[in-house]
Amino acid sequence: MASVRRFTVRARRIGGWWALDVEGEPGVHSQVRRIDQAEEMARDAIAGVLDIAPDAFEIVVAPEVPAAVRTMVDQATKARSHAAQAQDAAAQLTRDAAQRLVAGGLTVRDAGVLLGVSHQRVAQLTRPTPQLRSASRGARIDLEDKDAVRRAVDE
């Protein structure tokens, strides 16, 4: 299987525009007002100049910004990623703790107070996962398969 061709598009800010230059393709240039338009415009330019289908290649847009700003952008992106991971870990720990507290005999209200969440949230976290069974076959139904769920409910 042939690999998909990849083009790197350098985007430089010039006045109120982003100038787009495709690396390795000296005749392929374009410009856009906003960086979020760069991929589409570069794709059109590459396809038109090189006479290839617009969906036959990948594009990597590389905006050129001052090094200090690039460092700040990279740090912000990394911090958001760490925050998302911490949020996921906190959610799992909260779920596990809520289940243990309620299984240990506490009310959802008491568990909520201990965890710093509402009793309604504790009830959601400790609710058993619903399992539908087909009445005629006794088989489990995949809850992601919406048609199967509909059929099981209609039986």
C-alpha atoms as a PDB file:
ATOM      1  CA  MET A   1       0.000   0.000   0.000  1.00  0.00           C
ATOM      2  CA  ALA A   2       1.408   3.384  -0.983  1.00  0.00           C
ATOM      3  CA  SER A   3       1.800   5.969   1.717  1.00  0.00           C
ATOM      4  CA  VAL A   4      -0.213   9.150   1.529  1.00  0.00           C
ATOM      5  CA  ARG A   5       1.780  12.160   0.442  1.00  0.00           C
ATOM      6  CA  ARG A   6       2.163  14.861   3.090  1.00  0.00           C
ATOM      7  CA  PHE A   7       2.738  18.551   2.472  1.00  0.00           C
ATOM      8  CA  THR A   8       4.015  21.016   5.042  1.00  0.00           C
ATOM      9  CA  VAL A   9       2.564  24.485   4.626  1.00  0.00           C
ATOM     10  CA  ARG A  10       4.516  27.350   6.186  1.00  0.00           C
ATOM     11  CA  ALA A  11       2.256  30.192   7.282  1.00  0.00           C
ATOM     12  CA  ARG A  12       3.859  33.601   7.811  1.00  0.00           C
ATOM     13  CA  ARG A  13       1.993  36.644   9.072  1.00  0.00           C
ATOM     14  CA  ILE A  14       2.288  39.579   6.651  1.00  0.00           C
ATOM     15  CA  GLY A  15       0.146  42.565   7.566  1.00  0.00           C
ATOM     16  CA  GLY A  16      -3.401  41.349   8.048  1.00  0.00           C
ATOM     17  CA  TRP A  17      -2.841  38.121   6.089  1.00  0.00           C
ATOM     18  CA  TRP A  18      -1.216  34.731   6.494  1.00  0.00           C
ATOM     19  CA  ALA A  19       1.024  33.959   3.509  1.00  0.00           C
ATOM     20  CA  LEU A  20       1.048  30.227   2.744  1.00  0.00           C
ATOM     21  CA  ASP A  21       4.016  28.518   1.085  1.00  0.00           C
ATOM     22  CA  VAL A  22       4.134  24.771   0.440  1.00  0.00           C
ATOM     23  CA  GLU A  23       7.555  23.323   1.236  1.00  0.00           C
ATOM     24  CA  GLY A  24       9.143  21.570  -1.730  1.00  0.00           C
ATOM     25  CA  GLU A  25       6.633  23.036  -4.171  1.00  0.00           C
ATOM     26  CA  PRO A  26       7.960  26.451  -5.273  1.00  0.00           C
ATOM     27  CA  GLY A  27       4.920  27.369  -7.362  1.00  0.00           C
ATOM     28  CA  VAL A  28       2.281  26.664  -4.726  1.00  0.00           C
ATOM     29  CA  HIS A  29       1.319  29.747  -2.697  1.00  0.00           C
ATOM     30  CA  SER A  30      -1.828  31.199  -1.243  1.00  0.00           C
ATOM     31  CA  GLN A  31      -3.021  33.507   1.501  1.00  0.00           C
ATOM     32  CA  VAL A  32      -5.765  33.626   4.116  1.00  0.00           C
ATOM     33  CA  ARG A  33      -7.064  36.089   6.674  1.00  0.00           C
ATOM     34  CA  ARG A  34      -7.360  33.537   9.495  1.00  0.00           C
ATOM     35  CA  ILE A  35      -5.089  30.591  10.261  1.00  0.00           C
ATOM     36  CA  ASP A  36      -8.091  28.255  10.584  1.00  0.00           C
ATOM     37  CA  GLN A  37      -8.632  28.748   6.831  1.00  0.00           C
ATOM     38  CA  ALA A  38      -5.067  27.736   5.925  1.00  0.00           C
ATOM     39  CA  GLU A  39      -5.569  23.989   5.466  1.00  0.00           C
ATOM     40  CA  GLU A  40      -8.528  24.336   3.121  1.00  0.00           C
ATOM     41  CA  MET A  41      -6.915  27.075   1.043  1.00  0.00           C
ATOM     42  CA  ALA A  42      -3.576  25.241   0.856  1.00  0.00           C
ATOM     43  CA  ARG A  43      -5.375  22.036  -0.138  1.00  0.00           C
ATOM     44  CA  ASP A  44      -7.114  23.856  -2.981  1.00  0.00           C
ATOM     45  CA  ALA A  45      -3.851  25.442  -4.137  1.00  0.00           C
ATOM     46  CA  ILE A  46      -1.929  22.144  -4.057  1.00  0.00           C
ATOM     47  CA  ALA A  47      -4.680  20.251  -5.864  1.00  0.00           C
ATOM     48  CA  GLY A  48      -4.986  22.957  -8.519  1.00  0.00           C
ATOM     49  CA  VAL A  49      -1.295  23.483  -9.228  1.00  0.00           C
ATOM     50  CA  LEU A  50      -0.225  19.818  -9.009  1.00  0.00           C
ATOM     51  CA  ASP A  51      -3.425  18.489 -10.622  1.00  0.00           C
ATOM     52  CA  ILE A  52      -4.183  15.939  -7.909  1.00  0.00           C
ATOM     53  CA  ALA A  53      -7.366  15.184  -5.990  1.00  0.00           C
ATOM     54  CA  PRO A  54      -7.821  17.428  -2.925  1.00  0.00           C
ATOM     55  CA  ASP A  55      -8.363  14.401  -0.679  1.00  0.00           C
ATOM     56  CA  ALA A  56      -5.331  12.460  -1.953  1.00  0.00           C
ATOM     57  CA  PHE A  57      -2.813  13.998   0.459  1.00  0.00           C
ATOM     58  CA  GLU A  58      -2.288  15.242   4.002  1.00  0.00           C
ATOM     59  CA  ILE A  59      -1.451  18.770   5.050  1.00  0.00           C
ATOM     60  CA  VAL A  60       0.460  20.008   8.077  1.00  0.00           C
ATOM     61  CA  VAL A  61       0.091  23.746   8.641  1.00  0.00           C
ATOM     62  CA  ALA A  62       3.129  25.210  10.412  1.00  0.00           C
ATOM     63  CA  PRO A  63       2.457  28.794  11.524  1.00  0.00           C
ATOM     64  CA  GLU A  64       5.599  30.828  12.105  1.00  0.00           C
ATOM     65  CA  VAL A  65       5.449  32.816  15.336  1.00  0.00           C
ATOM     66  CA  PRO A  66       8.211  34.259  17.516  1.00  0.00           C
ATOM     67  CA  ALA A  67      10.052  31.625  19.582  1.00  0.00           C
ATOM     68  CA  ALA A  68       8.904  33.127  22.903  1.00  0.00           C
ATOM     69  CA  VAL A  69       5.284  32.950  21.790  1.00  0.00           C
ATOM     70  CA  ARG A  70       5.732  29.386  20.456  1.00  0.00           C
ATOM     71  CA  THR A  71       7.107  28.386  23.872  1.00  0.00           C
ATOM     72  CA  MET A  72       4.091  29.928  25.604  1.00  0.00           C
ATOM     73  CA  VAL A  73       1.689  28.180  23.209  1.00  0.00           C
ATOM     74  CA  ASP A  74       3.438  24.843  23.803  1.00  0.00           C
ATOM     75  CA  GLN A  75       3.308  25.351  27.590  1.00  0.00           C
ATOM     76  CA  ALA A  76      -0.392  26.265  27.477  1.00  0.00           C
ATOM     77  CA  THR A  77      -1.178  23.209  25.345  1.00  0.00           C
ATOM     78  CA  LYS A  78       0.762  20.933  27.683  1.00  0.00           C
ATOM     79  CA  ALA A  79      -0.933  22.452  30.758  1.00  0.00           C
ATOM     80  CA  ARG A  80      -4.391  21.880  29.221  1.00  0.00           C
ATOM     81  CA  SER A  81      -3.473  18.278  28.489  1.00  0.00           C
ATOM     82  CA  HIS A  82      -2.314  17.746  32.090  1.00  0.00           C
ATOM     83  CA  ALA A  83      -5.484  19.388  33.387  1.00  0.00           C
ATOM     84  CA  ALA A  84      -7.657  17.070  31.266  1.00  0.00           C
ATOM     85  CA  GLN A  85      -5.755  14.040  32.560  1.00  0.00           C
ATOM     86  CA  ALA A  86      -6.147  15.263  36.146  1.00  0.00           C
ATOM     87  CA  GLN A  87      -9.869  15.820  35.562  1.00  0.00           C
ATOM     88  CA  ASP A  88     -10.247  12.268  34.251  1.00  0.00           C
ATOM     89  CA  ALA A  89      -8.362  10.870  37.251  1.00  0.00           C
ATOM     90  CA  ALA A  90     -10.466  12.940  39.668  1.00  0.00           C
ATOM     91  CA  ALA A  91     -13.679  11.707  38.055  1.00  0.00           C
ATOM     92  CA  GLN A  92     -12.612   8.070  38.335  1.00  0.00           C
ATOM     93  CA  LEU A  93     -11.491   8.488  41.955  1.00  0.00           C
ATOM     94  CA  THR A  94     -14.763  10.233  42.821  1.00  0.00           C
ATOM     95  CA  ARG A  95     -16.768   7.448  41.178  1.00  0.00           C
ATOM     96  CA  ASP A  96     -14.796   4.746  43.007  1.00  0.00           C
ATOM     97  CA  ALA A  97     -15.048   6.539  46.363  1.00  0.00           C
ATOM     98  CA  ALA A  98     -18.787   7.146  45.952  1.00  0.00           C
ATOM     99  CA  GLN A  99     -19.372   3.486  45.197  1.00  0.00           C
ATOM    100  CA  ARG A 100     -17.308   2.360  48.196  1.00  0.00           C
ATOM    101  CA  LEU A 101     -18.974   4.825  50.566  1.00  0.00           C
ATOM    102  CA  VAL A 102     -22.491   3.826  49.545  1.00  0.00           C
ATOM    103  CA  ALA A 103     -21.599   0.113  49.496  1.00  0.00           C
ATOM    104  CA  GLY A 104     -20.225   0.619  53.011  1.00  0.00           C
ATOM    105  CA  GLY A 105     -23.614   1.807  54.234  1.00  0.00           C
ATOM    106  CA  LEU A 106     -23.498   5.585  53.929  1.00  0.00           C
ATOM    107  CA  THR A 107     -26.418   7.437  52.422  1.00  0.00           C
ATOM    108  CA  VAL A 108     -25.914   9.233  49.130  1.00  0.00           C
ATOM    109  CA  ARG A 109     -26.299  12.500  51.029  1.00  0.00           C
ATOM    110  CA  ASP A 110     -23.498  11.618  53.471  1.00  0.00           C
ATOM    111  CA  ALA A 111     -21.297  10.411  50.629  1.00  0.00           C
ATOM    112  CA  GLY A 112     -21.987  13.648  48.766  1.00  0.00           C
ATOM    113  CA  VAL A 113     -20.935  15.748  51.742  1.00  0.00           C
ATOM    114  CA  LEU A 114     -17.715  13.759  52.164  1.00  0.00           C
ATOM    115  CA  LEU A 115     -16.886  14.002  48.460  1.00  0.00           C
ATOM    116  CA  GLY A 116     -17.958  17.629  48.029  1.00  0.00           C
ATOM    117  CA  VAL A 117     -20.547  16.798  45.376  1.00  0.00           C
ATOM    118  CA  SER A 118     -24.335  16.735  45.397  1.00  0.00           C
ATOM    119  CA  HIS A 119     -26.256  13.706  46.574  1.00  0.00           C
ATOM    120  CA  GLN A 120     -27.762  13.556  43.090  1.00  0.00           C
ATOM    121  CA  ARG A 121     -24.273  13.182  41.622  1.00  0.00           C
ATOM    122  CA  VAL A 122     -23.481  10.389  44.063  1.00  0.00           C
ATOM    123  CA  ALA A 123     -26.709   8.653  43.029  1.00  0.00           C
ATOM    124  CA  GLN A 124     -25.623   8.908  39.373  1.00  0.00           C
ATOM    125  CA  LEU A 125     -22.163   7.576  40.148  1.00  0.00           C
ATOM    126  CA  THR A 126     -23.463   4.611  42.123  1.00  0.00           C
ATOM    127  CA  ARG A 127     -26.337   3.662  39.834  1.00  0.00           C
ATOM    128  CA  PRO A 128     -25.836   0.186  38.378  1.00  0.00           C
ATOM    129  CA  THR A 129     -25.199   0.040  34.639  1.00  0.00           C
ATOM    130  CA  PRO A 130     -28.438  -0.898  32.895  1.00  0.00           C
ATOM    131  CA  GLN A 131     -28.399  -4.182  31.034  1.00  0.00           C
ATOM    132  CA  LEU A 132     -31.172  -4.884  28.605  1.00  0.00           C
ATOM    133  CA  ARG A 133     -31.978  -8.465  27.785  1.00  0.00           C
ATOM    134  CA  SER A 134     -33.937  -9.569  24.795  1.00  0.00           C
ATOM    135  CA  ALA A 135     -37.157 -11.095  26.093  1.00  0.00           C
ATOM    136  CA  SER A 136     -37.246 -13.799  23.447  1.00  0.00           C
ATOM    137  CA  ARG A 137     -33.562 -14.764  23.389  1.00  0.00           C
ATOM    138  CA  GLY A 138     -32.266 -13.885  26.852  1.00  0.00           C
ATOM    139  CA  ALA A 139     -29.182 -12.337  25.211  1.00  0.00           C
ATOM    140  CA  ARG A 140     -27.540  -9.110  26.300  1.00  0.00           C
ATOM    141  CA  ILE A 141     -28.139  -6.110  24.079  1.00  0.00           C
ATOM    142  CA  ASP A 142     -25.325  -3.772  23.130  1.00  0.00           C
ATOM    143  CA  LEU A 143     -26.503  -0.383  24.435  1.00  0.00           C
ATOM    144  CA  GLU A 144     -24.494   1.342  21.705  1.00  0.00           C
ATOM    145  CA  ASP A 145     -26.549  -0.505  19.063  1.00  0.00           C
ATOM    146  CA  LYS A 146     -29.599   1.753  19.071  1.00  0.00           C
ATOM    147  CA  ASP A 147     -31.579  -0.500  16.694  1.00  0.00           C
ATOM    148  CA  ALA A 148     -31.041  -3.519  18.957  1.00  0.00           C
ATOM    149  CA  VAL A 149     -32.146  -1.489  21.980  1.00  0.00           C
ATOM    150  CA  ARG A 150     -35.275  -0.362  20.131  1.00  0.00           C
ATOM    151  CA  ARG A 151     -36.104  -3.954  19.125  1.00  0.00           C
ATOM    152  CA  ALA A 152     -35.587  -5.219  22.697  1.00  0.00           C
ATOM    153  CA  VAL A 153     -37.815  -2.512  24.141  1.00  0.00           C
ATOM    154  CA  ASP A 154     -40.530  -3.147  21.534  1.00  0.00           C
ATOM    155  CA  GLU A 155     -40.628  -6.913  22.251  1.00  0.00           C
END
